[in-house]
Amino acid sequence: LEKATPEACCQRELQSREGMFVDKEACLTGVERFQNRQGCYTVILNSFETYVYLAGALAIGVLAIELFAMIFAMCLFRGIQ
């Protein structure tokens, strides 16, 4: 009894539905080197992890700009009075 591997588990050169298979025959016969062994949740989590630090740095930058703008507005207000 042979374990069948679906085509969707085979690695492609470009990670899209149109990408060419790296080695379709080896993948379908069960060679793990040519198969995608990670689940969707893990792949999505790993891709989000790379952008979390960028989003945090961007948020801190916007926070600093807003803080300086508020201090500047307070100085202007005190100058008017």
Protein backbone atom coordinates (compact mmCIF):
# COMPACT_ATOMS: atom_id res chain seq x y z
CA LEU A 1 0.00 0.00 0.00
CA GLU A 2 1.64 3.20 -1.21
CA LYS A 3 1.04 6.54 0.50
CA ALA A 4 -0.23 8.98 -2.13
CA THR A 5 0.94 12.59 -1.97
CA PRO A 6 -1.37 15.22 -3.47
CA GLU A 7 0.05 17.62 -6.09
CA ALA A 8 -0.74 20.58 -3.83
CA CYS A 9 2.00 19.40 -1.43
CA CYS A 10 4.74 19.48 -4.09
CA GLN A 11 7.22 22.35 -4.02
CA ARG A 12 7.19 24.82 -6.88
CA GLU A 13 9.96 27.14 -8.04
CA LEU A 14 7.65 30.14 -7.53
CA GLN A 15 5.28 29.68 -4.60
CA SER A 16 2.14 30.13 -6.68
CA ARG A 17 -0.28 27.89 -8.52
CA GLU A 18 1.37 28.72 -11.85
CA GLY A 19 4.95 28.00 -10.75
CA MET A 20 6.78 25.01 -12.24
CA PHE A 21 7.24 21.96 -9.99
CA VAL A 22 10.76 21.45 -8.63
CA ASP A 23 10.54 17.67 -9.15
CA LYS A 24 6.96 16.45 -9.43
CA GLU A 25 7.73 12.73 -9.86
CA ALA A 26 10.02 12.60 -6.81
CA CYS A 27 7.45 14.54 -4.79
CA LEU A 28 4.58 12.20 -5.69
CA THR A 29 6.66 9.13 -4.83
CA GLY A 30 7.24 10.49 -1.32
CA VAL A 31 10.65 12.24 -1.34
CA GLU A 32 10.22 14.78 1.47
CA ARG A 33 12.88 17.11 0.05
CA PHE A 34 10.48 18.12 -2.74
CA GLN A 35 7.37 18.43 -0.56
CA ASN A 36 5.92 21.34 1.40
CA ARG A 37 5.78 20.00 4.94
CA GLN A 38 4.63 23.15 6.77
CA GLY A 39 0.98 23.96 7.31
CA CYS A 40 -0.66 27.18 6.17
CA TYR A 41 -0.86 28.57 9.73
CA THR A 42 2.91 28.24 10.24
CA VAL A 43 3.75 29.86 6.90
CA ILE A 44 1.37 32.79 7.49
CA LEU A 45 2.68 33.27 11.04
CA ASN A 46 6.29 33.32 9.82
CA SER A 47 5.49 35.87 7.11
CA PHE A 48 3.74 38.14 9.64
CA GLU A 49 6.67 37.87 12.08
CA THR A 50 8.97 39.56 9.58
CA TYR A 51 6.68 42.61 9.35
CA VAL A 52 5.82 42.96 13.06
CA TYR A 53 9.07 44.78 13.84
CA LEU A 54 8.62 47.11 10.86
CA ALA A 55 5.09 47.99 12.00
CA GLY A 56 6.33 48.59 15.56
CA ALA A 57 9.14 50.86 14.39
CA LEU A 58 6.71 52.78 12.18
CA ALA A 59 4.28 53.21 15.10
CA ILE A 60 7.07 54.50 17.37
CA GLY A 61 8.17 56.94 14.66
CA VAL A 62 4.62 58.30 14.23
CA LEU A 63 4.28 58.55 18.02
CA ALA A 64 7.48 60.63 18.25
CA ILE A 65 6.33 62.98 15.47
CA GLU A 66 2.93 63.43 17.16
CA LEU A 67 4.62 64.14 20.50
CA PHE A 68 6.89 66.82 19.00
CA ALA A 69 3.91 68.37 17.18
CA MET A 70 1.96 68.53 20.44
CA ILE A 71 4.87 70.17 22.28
CA PHE A 72 5.30 72.65 19.43
CA ALA A 73 1.57 73.48 19.52
CA MET A 74 1.76 74.07 23.30
CA CYS A 75 4.75 76.42 22.82
CA LEU A 76 2.84 78.35 20.16
CA PHE A 77 -0.19 78.62 22.42
CA ARG A 78 1.92 79.93 25.30
CA GLY A 79 3.51 82.46 22.92
CA ILE A 80 0.13 83.88 21.93
CA GLN A 81 -0.94 84.53 25.53
